Amino acid sequence: MSADDKDHTFTTKFRIPRRLWDAYGTAAQRQGTDRSADLVDHVRAYVREHGNDGERAELAAAEEELAARRARKGGRPPAAPQSD
């Protein structure tokens, strides 16, 4: 967990070739989604399929935190604009 346990979502870094990231962004945009939402959906699906009981319990807890946060904040945040 991050140093600030009150931060339910956080920004993380990973390395990816710029050209691949750009291609992913335009392909996702064409599908009507953004990269962040697609990556989070992929992580959820991966944990559901490959996670053990503890990891799936963490996923369930994270989903509850997000639902509570969105209820307080008025729903899902708008999609971030894609960079070219």
N, C-alpha and C. Protein backbone atom coordinates (compact mmCIF):
# COMPACT_ATOMS: atom_id res chain seq x y z
N MET A 1 0.85 -1.18 0.00
CA MET A 1 0.00 0.00 0.00
C MET A 1 0.88 1.23 0.00
N SER A 2 0.37 2.31 -0.52
CA SER A 2 1.13 3.55 -0.56
C SER A 2 1.33 4.12 0.84
N ALA A 3 2.24 5.08 0.93
CA ALA A 3 2.52 5.70 2.22
C ALA A 3 1.28 6.38 2.79
N ASP A 4 0.43 6.91 1.92
CA ASP A 4 -0.79 7.58 2.35
C ASP A 4 -1.96 6.63 2.16
N ASP A 5 -2.36 5.93 3.23
CA ASP A 5 -3.44 4.95 3.13
C ASP A 5 -4.80 5.58 2.85
N LYS A 6 -4.92 6.90 2.95
CA LYS A 6 -6.18 7.56 2.66
C LYS A 6 -6.37 7.79 1.17
N ASP A 7 -5.31 7.66 0.39
CA ASP A 7 -5.38 7.84 -1.05
C ASP A 7 -5.79 6.51 -1.68
N HIS A 8 -7.04 6.38 -2.10
CA HIS A 8 -7.56 5.11 -2.61
C HIS A 8 -7.11 4.82 -4.03
N THR A 9 -6.79 5.85 -4.77
CA THR A 9 -6.23 5.65 -6.10
C THR A 9 -4.91 6.40 -6.15
N PHE A 10 -3.99 5.90 -6.92
CA PHE A 10 -2.70 6.56 -7.00
C PHE A 10 -2.17 6.47 -8.42
N THR A 11 -1.22 7.31 -8.70
CA THR A 11 -0.57 7.31 -9.99
C THR A 11 0.68 6.46 -9.89
N THR A 12 0.88 5.60 -10.86
CA THR A 12 2.06 4.76 -10.88
C THR A 12 2.75 4.92 -12.23
N LYS A 13 4.00 4.59 -12.27
CA LYS A 13 4.76 4.69 -13.52
C LYS A 13 5.14 3.30 -13.99
N PHE A 14 5.16 3.13 -15.29
CA PHE A 14 5.73 1.93 -15.88
C PHE A 14 6.34 2.33 -17.21
N ARG A 15 7.24 1.51 -17.68
CA ARG A 15 7.95 1.83 -18.90
C ARG A 15 7.28 1.15 -20.09
N ILE A 16 7.11 1.94 -21.15
CA ILE A 16 6.51 1.43 -22.39
C ILE A 16 7.05 2.29 -23.52
N PRO A 17 7.34 1.72 -24.66
CA PRO A 17 7.80 2.55 -25.78
C PRO A 17 6.74 3.61 -26.14
N ARG A 18 7.19 4.83 -26.36
CA ARG A 18 6.28 5.94 -26.68
C ARG A 18 5.38 5.60 -27.86
N ARG A 19 5.94 5.00 -28.89
CA ARG A 19 5.14 4.70 -30.09
C ARG A 19 4.03 3.71 -29.76
N LEU A 20 4.31 2.74 -28.90
CA LEU A 20 3.29 1.78 -28.49
C LEU A 20 2.22 2.47 -27.66
N TRP A 21 2.63 3.35 -26.73
CA TRP A 21 1.68 4.09 -25.89
C TRP A 21 0.76 4.95 -26.75
N ASP A 22 1.35 5.63 -27.73
CA ASP A 22 0.56 6.47 -28.63
C ASP A 22 -0.43 5.64 -29.45
N ALA A 23 0.03 4.51 -29.97
CA ALA A 23 -0.86 3.63 -30.74
C ALA A 23 -1.99 3.09 -29.87
N TYR A 24 -1.66 2.75 -28.63
CA TYR A 24 -2.68 2.28 -27.68
C TYR A 24 -3.71 3.37 -27.43
N GLY A 25 -3.25 4.59 -27.27
CA GLY A 25 -4.17 5.70 -27.02
C GLY A 25 -5.13 5.94 -28.17
N THR A 26 -4.61 5.93 -29.40
CA THR A 26 -5.51 6.18 -30.53
C THR A 26 -6.45 5.00 -30.76
N ALA A 27 -5.96 3.77 -30.56
CA ALA A 27 -6.84 2.60 -30.70
C ALA A 27 -7.93 2.61 -29.64
N ALA A 28 -7.57 2.93 -28.40
CA ALA A 28 -8.57 2.99 -27.33
C ALA A 28 -9.59 4.08 -27.60
N GLN A 29 -9.12 5.23 -28.05
CA GLN A 29 -10.03 6.34 -28.35
C GLN A 29 -11.02 5.95 -29.44
N ARG A 30 -10.53 5.25 -30.45
CA ARG A 30 -11.41 4.79 -31.53
C ARG A 30 -12.49 3.84 -31.01
N GLN A 31 -12.17 3.11 -29.93
CA GLN A 31 -13.13 2.20 -29.32
C GLN A 31 -14.04 2.90 -28.31
N GLY A 32 -13.82 4.20 -28.11
CA GLY A 32 -14.68 4.96 -27.20
C GLY A 32 -14.27 4.85 -25.74
N THR A 33 -13.02 4.52 -25.48
CA THR A 33 -12.53 4.42 -24.10
C THR A 33 -11.22 5.18 -24.00
N ASP A 34 -10.69 5.25 -22.78
CA ASP A 34 -9.37 5.83 -22.63
C ASP A 34 -8.43 4.78 -22.07
N ARG A 35 -7.15 5.04 -22.18
CA ARG A 35 -6.15 4.06 -21.76
C ARG A 35 -6.27 3.72 -20.29
N SER A 36 -6.49 4.71 -19.44
CA SER A 36 -6.55 4.44 -18.00
C SER A 36 -7.69 3.48 -17.67
N ALA A 37 -8.87 3.76 -18.18
CA ALA A 37 -10.02 2.88 -17.92
C ALA A 37 -9.76 1.48 -18.45
N ASP A 38 -9.17 1.39 -19.63
CA ASP A 38 -8.88 0.08 -20.22
C ASP A 38 -7.86 -0.68 -19.39
N LEU A 39 -6.83 0.00 -18.90
CA LEU A 39 -5.82 -0.66 -18.07
C LEU A 39 -6.42 -1.15 -16.76
N VAL A 40 -7.26 -0.34 -16.14
CA VAL A 40 -7.89 -0.76 -14.88
C VAL A 40 -8.79 -1.97 -15.14
N ASP A 41 -9.53 -1.95 -16.24
CA ASP A 41 -10.37 -3.11 -16.58
C ASP A 41 -9.52 -4.36 -16.80
N HIS A 42 -8.37 -4.20 -17.44
CA HIS A 42 -7.47 -5.33 -17.65
C HIS A 42 -6.97 -5.88 -16.32
N VAL A 43 -6.57 -5.00 -15.41
CA VAL A 43 -6.06 -5.45 -14.11
C VAL A 43 -7.15 -6.19 -13.35
N ARG A 44 -8.37 -5.66 -13.36
CA ARG A 44 -9.49 -6.36 -12.70
C ARG A 44 -9.66 -7.77 -13.26
N ALA A 45 -9.72 -7.87 -14.59
CA ALA A 45 -9.92 -9.17 -15.24
C ALA A 45 -8.78 -10.12 -14.92
N TYR A 46 -7.57 -9.61 -14.89
CA TYR A 46 -6.40 -10.44 -14.60
C TYR A 46 -6.47 -11.00 -13.19
N VAL A 47 -6.81 -10.15 -12.22
CA VAL A 47 -6.92 -10.61 -10.84
C VAL A 47 -8.07 -11.61 -10.70
N ARG A 48 -9.19 -11.35 -11.35
CA ARG A 48 -10.31 -12.31 -11.30
C ARG A 48 -9.89 -13.68 -11.83
N GLU A 49 -9.14 -13.67 -12.93
CA GLU A 49 -8.77 -14.94 -13.57
C GLU A 49 -7.59 -15.62 -12.89
N HIS A 50 -6.59 -14.87 -12.49
CA HIS A 50 -5.35 -15.47 -12.03
C HIS A 50 -5.07 -15.26 -10.54
N GLY A 51 -5.85 -14.43 -9.89
CA GLY A 51 -5.59 -14.15 -8.48
C GLY A 51 -5.99 -15.29 -7.57
N ASN A 52 -5.35 -15.32 -6.40
CA ASN A 52 -5.76 -16.30 -5.39
C ASN A 52 -6.90 -15.69 -4.56
N ASP A 53 -7.36 -16.41 -3.57
CA ASP A 53 -8.49 -15.91 -2.78
C ASP A 53 -8.18 -14.56 -2.13
N GLY A 54 -6.98 -14.40 -1.61
CA GLY A 54 -6.61 -13.14 -0.97
C GLY A 54 -6.58 -11.98 -1.95
N GLU A 55 -6.05 -12.21 -3.14
CA GLU A 55 -5.99 -11.16 -4.16
C GLU A 55 -7.38 -10.80 -4.66
N ARG A 56 -8.24 -11.79 -4.80
CA ARG A 56 -9.63 -11.48 -5.21
C ARG A 56 -10.36 -10.76 -4.09
N ALA A 57 -10.04 -11.05 -2.84
CA ALA A 57 -10.63 -10.30 -1.73
C ALA A 57 -10.15 -8.85 -1.76
N GLU A 58 -8.89 -8.63 -2.08
CA GLU A 58 -8.37 -7.26 -2.21
C GLU A 58 -9.08 -6.53 -3.35
N LEU A 59 -9.32 -7.22 -4.45
CA LEU A 59 -10.05 -6.63 -5.56
C LEU A 59 -11.45 -6.22 -5.12
N ALA A 60 -12.13 -7.10 -4.40
CA ALA A 60 -13.48 -6.79 -3.92
C ALA A 60 -13.46 -5.58 -2.99
N ALA A 61 -12.46 -5.52 -2.11
CA ALA A 61 -12.35 -4.38 -1.19
C ALA A 61 -12.07 -3.10 -1.97
N ALA A 62 -11.22 -3.18 -2.98
CA ALA A 62 -10.92 -2.00 -3.80
C ALA A 62 -12.17 -1.52 -4.54
N GLU A 63 -12.96 -2.45 -5.05
CA GLU A 63 -14.20 -2.08 -5.75
C GLU A 63 -15.17 -1.39 -4.79
N GLU A 64 -15.25 -1.88 -3.55
CA GLU A 64 -16.11 -1.22 -2.55
C GLU A 64 -15.62 0.19 -2.25
N GLU A 65 -14.30 0.37 -2.12
CA GLU A 65 -13.74 1.70 -1.87
C GLU A 65 -14.07 2.64 -3.02
N LEU A 66 -13.91 2.16 -4.26
CA LEU A 66 -14.23 3.01 -5.40
C LEU A 66 -15.70 3.38 -5.44
N ALA A 67 -16.57 2.42 -5.15
CA ALA A 67 -18.01 2.69 -5.15
C ALA A 67 -18.35 3.73 -4.09
N ALA A 68 -17.77 3.61 -2.90
CA ALA A 68 -18.03 4.58 -1.84
C ALA A 68 -17.50 5.95 -2.21
N ARG A 69 -16.30 5.98 -2.79
CA ARG A 69 -15.71 7.26 -3.20
C ARG A 69 -16.57 7.94 -4.26
N ARG A 70 -17.01 7.17 -5.24
CA ARG A 70 -17.84 7.74 -6.31
C ARG A 70 -19.18 8.21 -5.78
N ALA A 71 -19.73 7.51 -4.80
CA ALA A 71 -21.00 7.93 -4.20
C ALA A 71 -20.83 9.28 -3.50
N ARG A 72 -19.70 9.47 -2.85
CA ARG A 72 -19.44 10.75 -2.17
C ARG A 72 -19.13 11.86 -3.15
N LYS A 73 -18.46 11.53 -4.24
CA LYS A 73 -17.98 12.55 -5.19
C LYS A 73 -18.95 12.78 -6.35
N GLY A 74 -20.03 12.04 -6.41
CA GLY A 74 -21.01 12.27 -7.47
C GLY A 74 -20.82 11.45 -8.72
N GLY A 75 -20.17 10.32 -8.63
CA GLY A 75 -20.06 9.42 -9.79
C GLY A 75 -18.65 9.29 -10.32
N ARG A 76 -18.56 8.58 -11.42
CA ARG A 76 -17.28 8.32 -12.06
C ARG A 76 -16.73 9.61 -12.66
N PRO A 77 -15.42 9.83 -12.55
CA PRO A 77 -14.84 11.04 -13.13
C PRO A 77 -14.92 11.00 -14.65
N PRO A 78 -14.94 12.18 -15.29
CA PRO A 78 -14.98 12.19 -16.76
C PRO A 78 -13.69 11.63 -17.32
N ALA A 79 -13.76 11.10 -18.53
CA ALA A 79 -12.58 10.54 -19.17
C ALA A 79 -11.56 11.64 -19.41
N ALA A 80 -10.32 11.31 -19.19
CA ALA A 80 -9.24 12.27 -19.43
C ALA A 80 -9.03 12.41 -20.92
N PRO A 81 -8.71 13.63 -21.37
CA PRO A 81 -8.45 13.80 -22.80
C PRO A 81 -7.20 13.05 -23.21
N GLN A 82 -7.22 12.49 -24.41
CA GLN A 82 -6.08 11.75 -24.93
C GLN A 82 -5.05 12.70 -25.49
N SER A 83 -3.78 12.41 -25.25
CA SER A 83 -2.72 13.22 -25.85
C SER A 83 -2.38 12.61 -27.20
N ASP A 84 -2.00 13.45 -28.13
CA ASP A 84 -1.66 12.95 -29.48
C ASP A 84 -0.26 12.48 -29.53
